Amino acid sequence: NPKLIDEAISAKCEIYKIIFEEGKDEKFSH
């Protein structure tokens, strides 16, 4: 869930890997 991902980033959790579905990566370019 994008909201949960942003919450994890705000909490300074270590992001191990992001997986995008083909064609959706530009929507979450940050």
PDB file of all heavy atoms in Angstrom:
ATOM      1  N   ASN A   1       0.854  -1.181   0.000  1.00  0.00           N
ATOM      2  CA  ASN A   1       0.000   0.000   0.000  1.00  0.00           C
ATOM      3  C   ASN A   1       0.899   1.244   0.000  1.00  0.00           C
ATOM      4  O   ASN A   1       1.761   1.379   0.873  1.00  0.00           O
ATOM      5  CB  ASN A   1      -0.903  -0.019   1.239  1.00  0.00           C
ATOM      6  CG  ASN A   1      -1.810   1.180   1.323  1.00  0.00           C
ATOM      7  OD1 ASN A   1      -1.364   2.303   1.445  1.00  0.00           O
ATOM      8  ND2 ASN A   1      -3.114   0.944   1.272  1.00  0.00           N
ATOM      9  N   PRO A   2       0.730   2.149  -0.964  1.00  0.00           N
ATOM     10  CA  PRO A   2       1.608   3.337  -1.030  1.00  0.00           C
ATOM     11  C   PRO A   2       1.639   4.154   0.248  1.00  0.00           C
ATOM     12  O   PRO A   2       2.687   4.680   0.626  1.00  0.00           O
ATOM     13  CB  PRO A   2       1.013   4.139  -2.198  1.00  0.00           C
ATOM     14  CG  PRO A   2       0.305   3.133  -3.031  1.00  0.00           C
ATOM     15  CD  PRO A   2      -0.235   2.107  -2.075  1.00  0.00           C
ATOM     16  N   LYS A   3       0.493   4.256   0.924  1.00  0.00           N
ATOM     17  CA  LYS A   3       0.453   5.016   2.171  1.00  0.00           C
ATOM     18  C   LYS A   3       1.351   4.375   3.225  1.00  0.00           C
ATOM     19  O   LYS A   3       2.085   5.071   3.940  1.00  0.00           O
ATOM     20  CB  LYS A   3      -0.982   5.115   2.687  1.00  0.00           C
ATOM     21  CG  LYS A   3      -1.118   5.934   3.972  1.00  0.00           C
ATOM     22  CD  LYS A   3      -2.557   5.975   4.441  1.00  0.00           C
ATOM     23  CE  LYS A   3      -2.714   6.849   5.678  1.00  0.00           C
ATOM     24  NZ  LYS A   3      -1.943   6.377   6.834  1.00  0.00           N
ATOM     25  N   LEU A   4       1.293   3.042   3.329  1.00  0.00           N
ATOM     26  CA  LEU A   4       2.130   2.350   4.304  1.00  0.00           C
ATOM     27  C   LEU A   4       3.611   2.492   3.949  1.00  0.00           C
ATOM     28  O   LEU A   4       4.461   2.626   4.835  1.00  0.00           O
ATOM     29  CB  LEU A   4       1.756   0.871   4.372  1.00  0.00           C
ATOM     30  CG  LEU A   4       0.406   0.527   5.006  1.00  0.00           C
ATOM     31  CD1 LEU A   4       0.169  -0.975   4.951  1.00  0.00           C
ATOM     32  CD2 LEU A   4       0.340   1.020   6.441  1.00  0.00           C
ATOM     33  N   ILE A   5       3.916   2.475   2.666  1.00  0.00           N
ATOM     34  CA  ILE A   5       5.311   2.650   2.241  1.00  0.00           C
ATOM     35  C   ILE A   5       5.810   4.021   2.653  1.00  0.00           C
ATOM     36  O   ILE A   5       6.911   4.170   3.197  1.00  0.00           O
ATOM     37  CB  ILE A   5       5.440   2.447   0.719  1.00  0.00           C
ATOM     38  CG1 ILE A   5       5.095   1.006   0.350  1.00  0.00           C
ATOM     39  CG2 ILE A   5       6.854   2.783   0.252  1.00  0.00           C
ATOM     40  CD1 ILE A   5       4.993   0.750  -1.146  1.00  0.00           C
ATOM     41  N   ASP A   6       5.001   5.045   2.432  1.00  0.00           N
ATOM     42  CA  ASP A   6       5.390   6.403   2.823  1.00  0.00           C
ATOM     43  C   ASP A   6       5.535   6.521   4.340  1.00  0.00           C
ATOM     44  O   ASP A   6       6.420   7.233   4.837  1.00  0.00           O
ATOM     45  CB  ASP A   6       4.370   7.419   2.304  1.00  0.00           C
ATOM     46  CG  ASP A   6       4.433   7.598   0.785  1.00  0.00           C
ATOM     47  OD1 ASP A   6       5.492   7.268   0.194  1.00  0.00           O
ATOM     48  OD2 ASP A   6       3.436   8.064   0.198  1.00  0.00           O
ATOM     49  N   GLU A   7       4.665   5.823   5.088  1.00  0.00           N
ATOM     50  CA  GLU A   7       4.763   5.834   6.556  1.00  0.00           C
ATOM     51  C   GLU A   7       6.085   5.199   6.993  1.00  0.00           C
ATOM     52  O   GLU A   7       6.747   5.685   7.921  1.00  0.00           O
ATOM     53  CB  GLU A   7       3.595   5.073   7.172  1.00  0.00           C
ATOM     54  CG  GLU A   7       2.238   5.743   7.028  1.00  0.00           C
ATOM     55  CD  GLU A   7       1.980   6.787   8.103  1.00  0.00           C
ATOM     56  OE1 GLU A   7       2.899   7.094   8.881  1.00  0.00           O
ATOM     57  OE2 GLU A   7       0.849   7.294   8.154  1.00  0.00           O
ATOM     58  N   ALA A   8       6.470   4.105   6.337  1.00  0.00           N
ATOM     59  CA  ALA A   8       7.727   3.432   6.671  1.00  0.00           C
ATOM     60  C   ALA A   8       8.917   4.336   6.387  1.00  0.00           C
ATOM     61  O   ALA A   8       9.877   4.394   7.167  1.00  0.00           O
ATOM     62  CB  ALA A   8       7.851   2.131   5.886  1.00  0.00           C
ATOM     63  N   ILE A   9       8.855   5.052   5.287  1.00  0.00           N
ATOM     64  CA  ILE A   9       9.942   5.979   4.942  1.00  0.00           C
ATOM     65  C   ILE A   9      10.020   7.101   5.971  1.00  0.00           C
ATOM     66  O   ILE A   9      11.105   7.465   6.430  1.00  0.00           O
ATOM     67  CB  ILE A   9       9.727   6.538   3.524  1.00  0.00           C
ATOM     68  CG1 ILE A   9       9.915   5.425   2.483  1.00  0.00           C
ATOM     69  CG2 ILE A   9      10.683   7.695   3.241  1.00  0.00           C
ATOM     70  CD1 ILE A   9       9.502   5.805   1.085  1.00  0.00           C
ATOM     71  N   SER A  10       8.875   7.647   6.363  1.00  0.00           N
ATOM     72  CA  SER A  10       8.847   8.722   7.370  1.00  0.00           C
ATOM     73  C   SER A  10       9.416   8.245   8.702  1.00  0.00           C
ATOM     74  O   SER A  10      10.024   9.024   9.443  1.00  0.00           O
ATOM     75  CB  SER A  10       7.408   9.219   7.574  1.00  0.00           C
ATOM     76  OG  SER A  10       6.905   9.809   6.399  1.00  0.00           O
ATOM     77  N   ALA A  11       9.212   6.953   9.003  1.00  0.00           N
ATOM     78  CA  ALA A  11       9.725   6.377  10.246  1.00  0.00           C
ATOM     79  C   ALA A  11      11.187   5.951  10.125  1.00  0.00           C
ATOM     80  O   ALA A  11      11.747   5.370  11.053  1.00  0.00           O
ATOM     81  CB  ALA A  11       8.876   5.177  10.650  1.00  0.00           C
ATOM     82  N   LYS A  12      11.787   6.255   8.966  1.00  0.00           N
ATOM     83  CA  LYS A  12      13.210   5.960   8.707  1.00  0.00           C
ATOM     84  C   LYS A  12      13.515   4.466   8.718  1.00  0.00           C
ATOM     85  O   LYS A  12      14.602   4.035   9.127  1.00  0.00           O
ATOM     86  CB  LYS A  12      14.115   6.718   9.686  1.00  0.00           C
ATOM     87  CG  LYS A  12      13.912   8.238   9.652  1.00  0.00           C
ATOM     88  CD  LYS A  12      14.961   8.970  10.457  1.00  0.00           C
ATOM     89  CE  LYS A  12      14.686  10.472  10.501  1.00  0.00           C
ATOM     90  NZ  LYS A  12      14.453  11.059   9.180  1.00  0.00           N
ATOM     91  N   CYS A  13      12.551   3.656   8.296  1.00  0.00           N
ATOM     92  CA  CYS A  13      12.809   2.231   8.126  1.00  0.00           C
ATOM     93  C   CYS A  13      13.720   2.037   6.912  1.00  0.00           C
ATOM     94  O   CYS A  13      13.709   2.828   5.965  1.00  0.00           O
ATOM     95  CB  CYS A  13      11.497   1.474   7.893  1.00  0.00           C
ATOM     96  SG  CYS A  13      10.394   1.445   9.321  1.00  0.00           S
ATOM     97  N   GLU A  14      14.479   0.972   6.938  1.00  0.00           N
ATOM     98  CA  GLU A  14      15.371   0.670   5.819  1.00  0.00           C
ATOM     99  C   GLU A  14      14.582  -0.001   4.694  1.00  0.00           C
ATOM    100  O   GLU A  14      14.013  -1.066   4.874  1.00  0.00           O
ATOM    101  CB  GLU A  14      16.514  -0.241   6.271  1.00  0.00           C
ATOM    102  CG  GLU A  14      17.498  -0.554   5.147  1.00  0.00           C
ATOM    103  CD  GLU A  14      18.620  -1.481   5.590  1.00  0.00           C
ATOM    104  OE1 GLU A  14      18.792  -1.674   6.818  1.00  0.00           O
ATOM    105  OE2 GLU A  14      19.313  -2.019   4.706  1.00  0.00           O
ATOM    106  N   ILE A  15      14.546   0.649   3.538  1.00  0.00           N
ATOM    107  CA  ILE A  15      13.843   0.097   2.381  1.00  0.00           C
ATOM    108  C   ILE A  15      14.784  -0.874   1.673  1.00  0.00           C
ATOM    109  O   ILE A  15      15.811  -0.473   1.132  1.00  0.00           O
ATOM    110  CB  ILE A  15      13.400   1.206   1.405  1.00  0.00           C
ATOM    111  CG1 ILE A  15      12.595   2.287   2.147  1.00  0.00           C
ATOM    112  CG2 ILE A  15      12.587   0.608   0.267  1.00  0.00           C
ATOM    113  CD1 ILE A  15      11.328   1.789   2.792  1.00  0.00           C
ATOM    114  N   TYR A  16      14.423  -2.143   1.680  1.00  0.00           N
ATOM    115  CA  TYR A  16      15.273  -3.165   1.078  1.00  0.00           C
ATOM    116  C   TYR A  16      15.081  -3.235  -0.439  1.00  0.00           C
ATOM    117  O   TYR A  16      16.048  -3.303  -1.200  1.00  0.00           O
ATOM    118  CB  TYR A  16      14.965  -4.517   1.710  1.00  0.00           C
ATOM    119  CG  TYR A  16      15.734  -5.674   1.121  1.00  0.00           C
ATOM    120  CD1 TYR A  16      17.067  -5.889   1.449  1.00  0.00           C
ATOM    121  CD2 TYR A  16      15.126  -6.554   0.227  1.00  0.00           C
ATOM    122  CE1 TYR A  16      17.780  -6.951   0.903  1.00  0.00           C
ATOM    123  CE2 TYR A  16      15.819  -7.614  -0.323  1.00  0.00           C
ATOM    124  CZ  TYR A  16      17.151  -7.803   0.013  1.00  0.00           C
ATOM    125  OH  TYR A  16      17.854  -8.850  -0.535  1.00  0.00           O
ATOM    126  N   LYS A  17      13.819  -3.208  -0.876  1.00  0.00           N
ATOM    127  CA  LYS A  17      13.546  -3.306  -2.303  1.00  0.00           C
ATOM    128  C   LYS A  17      12.162  -2.751  -2.610  1.00  0.00           C
ATOM    129  O   LYS A  17      11.217  -2.960  -1.850  1.00  0.00           O
ATOM    130  CB  LYS A  17      13.607  -4.763  -2.764  1.00  0.00           C
ATOM    131  CG  LYS A  17      13.437  -4.964  -4.258  1.00  0.00           C
ATOM    132  CD  LYS A  17      14.734  -4.808  -5.012  1.00  0.00           C
ATOM    133  CE  LYS A  17      15.670  -5.976  -4.767  1.00  0.00           C
ATOM    134  NZ  LYS A  17      16.901  -5.879  -5.589  1.00  0.00           N
ATOM    135  N   ILE A  18      12.061  -2.032  -3.728  1.00  0.00           N
ATOM    136  CA  ILE A  18      10.782  -1.585  -4.256  1.00  0.00           C
ATOM    137  C   ILE A  18      10.493  -2.402  -5.515  1.00  0.00           C
ATOM    138  O   ILE A  18      11.370  -2.573  -6.366  1.00  0.00           O
ATOM    139  CB  ILE A  18      10.806  -0.085  -4.618  1.00  0.00           C
ATOM    140  CG1 ILE A  18      11.112   0.785  -3.388  1.00  0.00           C
ATOM    141  CG2 ILE A  18       9.482   0.339  -5.261  1.00  0.00           C
ATOM    142  CD1 ILE A  18       9.997   0.873  -2.382  1.00  0.00           C
ATOM    143  N   ILE A  19       9.272  -2.899  -5.635  1.00  0.00           N
ATOM    144  CA  ILE A  19       8.874  -3.638  -6.832  1.00  0.00           C
ATOM    145  C   ILE A  19       7.717  -2.887  -7.482  1.00  0.00           C
ATOM    146  O   ILE A  19       6.674  -2.665  -6.853  1.00  0.00           O
ATOM    147  CB  ILE A  19       8.430  -5.078  -6.500  1.00  0.00           C
ATOM    148  CG1 ILE A  19       9.526  -5.817  -5.720  1.00  0.00           C
ATOM    149  CG2 ILE A  19       8.106  -5.843  -7.780  1.00  0.00           C
ATOM    150  CD1 ILE A  19       9.293  -5.875  -4.232  1.00  0.00           C
ATOM    151  N   PHE A  20       7.900  -2.490  -8.726  1.00  0.00           N
ATOM    152  CA  PHE A  20       6.859  -1.813  -9.479  1.00  0.00           C
ATOM    153  C   PHE A  20       6.219  -2.776 -10.472  1.00  0.00           C
ATOM    154  O   PHE A  20       6.902  -3.601 -11.084  1.00  0.00           O
ATOM    155  CB  PHE A  20       7.430  -0.633 -10.281  1.00  0.00           C
ATOM    156  CG  PHE A  20       7.981   0.492  -9.448  1.00  0.00           C
ATOM    157  CD1 PHE A  20       9.340   0.761  -9.439  1.00  0.00           C
ATOM    158  CD2 PHE A  20       7.140   1.292  -8.702  1.00  0.00           C
ATOM    159  CE1 PHE A  20       9.855   1.799  -8.691  1.00  0.00           C
ATOM    160  CE2 PHE A  20       7.642   2.336  -7.940  1.00  0.00           C
ATOM    161  CZ  PHE A  20       9.004   2.590  -7.939  1.00  0.00           C
ATOM    162  N   GLU A  21       4.923  -2.622 -10.651  1.00  0.00           N
ATOM    163  CA  GLU A  21       4.267  -3.311 -11.757  1.00  0.00           C
ATOM    164  C   GLU A  21       4.580  -2.539 -13.037  1.00  0.00           C
ATOM    165  O   GLU A  21       4.635  -1.297 -13.041  1.00  0.00           O
ATOM    166  CB  GLU A  21       2.760  -3.362 -11.531  1.00  0.00           C
ATOM    167  CG  GLU A  21       2.009  -4.096 -12.622  1.00  0.00           C
ATOM    168  CD  GLU A  21       0.509  -4.075 -12.409  1.00  0.00           C
ATOM    169  OE1 GLU A  21       0.055  -3.801 -11.269  1.00  0.00           O
ATOM    170  OE2 GLU A  21      -0.212  -4.321 -13.392  1.00  0.00           O
ATOM    171  N   GLU A  22       4.795  -3.245 -14.105  1.00  0.00           N
ATOM    172  CA  GLU A  22       5.101  -2.627 -15.391  1.00  0.00           C
ATOM    173  C   GLU A  22       4.076  -1.532 -15.725  1.00  0.00           C
ATOM    174  O   GLU A  22       2.868  -1.732 -15.642  1.00  0.00           O
ATOM    175  CB  GLU A  22       5.076  -3.695 -16.489  1.00  0.00           C
ATOM    176  CG  GLU A  22       5.382  -3.181 -17.873  1.00  0.00           C
ATOM    177  CD  GLU A  22       5.321  -4.281 -18.921  1.00  0.00           C
ATOM    178  OE1 GLU A  22       4.973  -5.438 -18.569  1.00  0.00           O
ATOM    179  OE2 GLU A  22       5.619  -3.983 -20.086  1.00  0.00           O
ATOM    180  N   GLY A  23       4.588  -0.353 -16.050  1.00  0.00           N
ATOM    181  CA  GLY A  23       3.728   0.764 -16.419  1.00  0.00           C
ATOM    182  C   GLY A  23       3.268   1.619 -15.259  1.00  0.00           C
ATOM    183  O   GLY A  23       2.652   2.674 -15.462  1.00  0.00           O
ATOM    184  N   LYS A  24       3.576   1.215 -14.018  1.00  0.00           N
ATOM    185  CA  LYS A  24       3.128   1.972 -12.845  1.00  0.00           C
ATOM    186  C   LYS A  24       4.269   2.730 -12.161  1.00  0.00           C
ATOM    187  O   LYS A  24       4.021   3.482 -11.218  1.00  0.00           O
ATOM    188  CB  LYS A  24       2.489   1.018 -11.821  1.00  0.00           C
ATOM    189  CG  LYS A  24       1.315   0.205 -12.357  1.00  0.00           C
ATOM    190  CD  LYS A  24       0.100   1.065 -12.576  1.00  0.00           C
ATOM    191  CE  LYS A  24      -1.083   0.242 -13.075  1.00  0.00           C
ATOM    192  NZ  LYS A  24      -1.618  -0.678 -12.071  1.00  0.00           N
ATOM    193  N   ASP A  25       5.506   2.542 -12.632  1.00  0.00           N
ATOM    194  CA  ASP A  25       6.648   3.120 -11.919  1.00  0.00           C
ATOM    195  C   ASP A  25       6.661   4.645 -11.935  1.00  0.00           C
ATOM    196  O   ASP A  25       7.066   5.274 -10.961  1.00  0.00           O
ATOM    197  CB  ASP A  25       7.975   2.580 -12.479  1.00  0.00           C
ATOM    198  CG  ASP A  25       8.070   2.716 -13.981  1.00  0.00           C
ATOM    199  OD1 ASP A  25       7.183   2.205 -14.677  1.00  0.00           O
ATOM    200  OD2 ASP A  25       9.040   3.325 -14.456  1.00  0.00           O
ATOM    201  N   GLU A  26       6.187   5.269 -13.015  1.00  0.00           N
ATOM    202  CA  GLU A  26       6.214   6.735 -13.072  1.00  0.00           C
ATOM    203  C   GLU A  26       5.220   7.358 -12.102  1.00  0.00           C
ATOM    204  O   GLU A  26       5.401   8.488 -11.651  1.00  0.00           O
ATOM    205  CB  GLU A  26       5.932   7.203 -14.509  1.00  0.00           C
ATOM    206  CG  GLU A  26       7.040   6.892 -15.492  1.00  0.00           C
ATOM    207  CD  GLU A  26       8.390   7.460 -15.047  1.00  0.00           C
ATOM    208  OE1 GLU A  26       8.418   8.574 -14.481  1.00  0.00           O
ATOM    209  OE2 GLU A  26       9.408   6.767 -15.238  1.00  0.00           O
ATOM    210  N   LYS A  27       4.191   6.606 -11.769  1.00  0.00           N
ATOM    211  CA  LYS A  27       3.183   7.096 -10.820  1.00  0.00           C
ATOM    212  C   LYS A  27       3.779   7.284  -9.426  1.00  0.00           C
ATOM    213  O   LYS A  27       3.316   8.116  -8.639  1.00  0.00           O
ATOM    214  CB  LYS A  27       2.016   6.104 -10.773  1.00  0.00           C
ATOM    215  CG  LYS A  27       0.858   6.520  -9.887  1.00  0.00           C
ATOM    216  CD  LYS A  27      -0.245   5.470  -9.933  1.00  0.00           C
ATOM    217  CE  LYS A  27      -1.391   5.819  -8.994  1.00  0.00           C
ATOM    218  NZ  LYS A  27      -2.454   4.774  -9.007  1.00  0.00           N
ATOM    219  N   PHE A  28       4.804   6.486  -9.135  1.00  0.00           N
ATOM    220  CA  PHE A  28       5.450   6.556  -7.816  1.00  0.00           C
ATOM    221  C   PHE A  28       6.931   6.876  -7.990  1.00  0.00           C
ATOM    222  O   PHE A  28       7.795   6.228  -7.397  1.00  0.00           O
ATOM    223  CB  PHE A  28       5.267   5.232  -7.073  1.00  0.00           C
ATOM    224  CG  PHE A  28       3.835   4.803  -6.934  1.00  0.00           C
ATOM    225  CD1 PHE A  28       3.311   3.794  -7.739  1.00  0.00           C
ATOM    226  CD2 PHE A  28       3.003   5.412  -6.008  1.00  0.00           C
ATOM    227  CE1 PHE A  28       1.991   3.395  -7.619  1.00  0.00           C
ATOM    228  CE2 PHE A  28       1.675   5.016  -5.873  1.00  0.00           C
ATOM    229  CZ  PHE A  28       1.162   4.012  -6.685  1.00  0.00           C
ATOM    230  N   SER A  29       7.211   7.892  -8.789  1.00  0.00           N
ATOM    231  CA  SER A  29       8.602   8.200  -9.151  1.00  0.00           C
ATOM    232  C   SER A  29       9.455   8.561  -7.940  1.00  0.00           C
ATOM    233  O   SER A  29      10.677   8.393  -7.958  1.00  0.00           O
ATOM    234  CB  SER A  29       8.641   9.337 -10.178  1.00  0.00           C
ATOM    235  OG  SER A  29       7.970  10.488  -9.693  1.00  0.00           O
ATOM    236  N   HIS A  30       8.824   9.060  -6.855  1.00  0.00           N
ATOM    237  CA  HIS A  30       9.605   9.436  -5.668  1.00  0.00           C
ATOM    238  C   HIS A  30      10.248   8.214  -5.008  1.00  0.00           C
ATOM    239  O   HIS A  30      11.175   8.352  -4.205  1.00  0.00           O
ATOM    240  CB  HIS A  30       8.732  10.178  -4.656  1.00  0.00           C
ATOM    241  CG  HIS A  30       7.666   9.338  -4.019  1.00  0.00           C
ATOM    242  ND1 HIS A  30       6.559   8.873  -4.701  1.00  0.00           N
ATOM    243  CD2 HIS A  30       7.538   8.866  -2.743  1.00  0.00           C
ATOM    244  CE1 HIS A  30       5.797   8.163  -3.889  1.00  0.00           C
ATOM    245  NE2 HIS A  30       6.373   8.137  -2.696  1.00  0.00           N
TER     246      HIS A  30
END
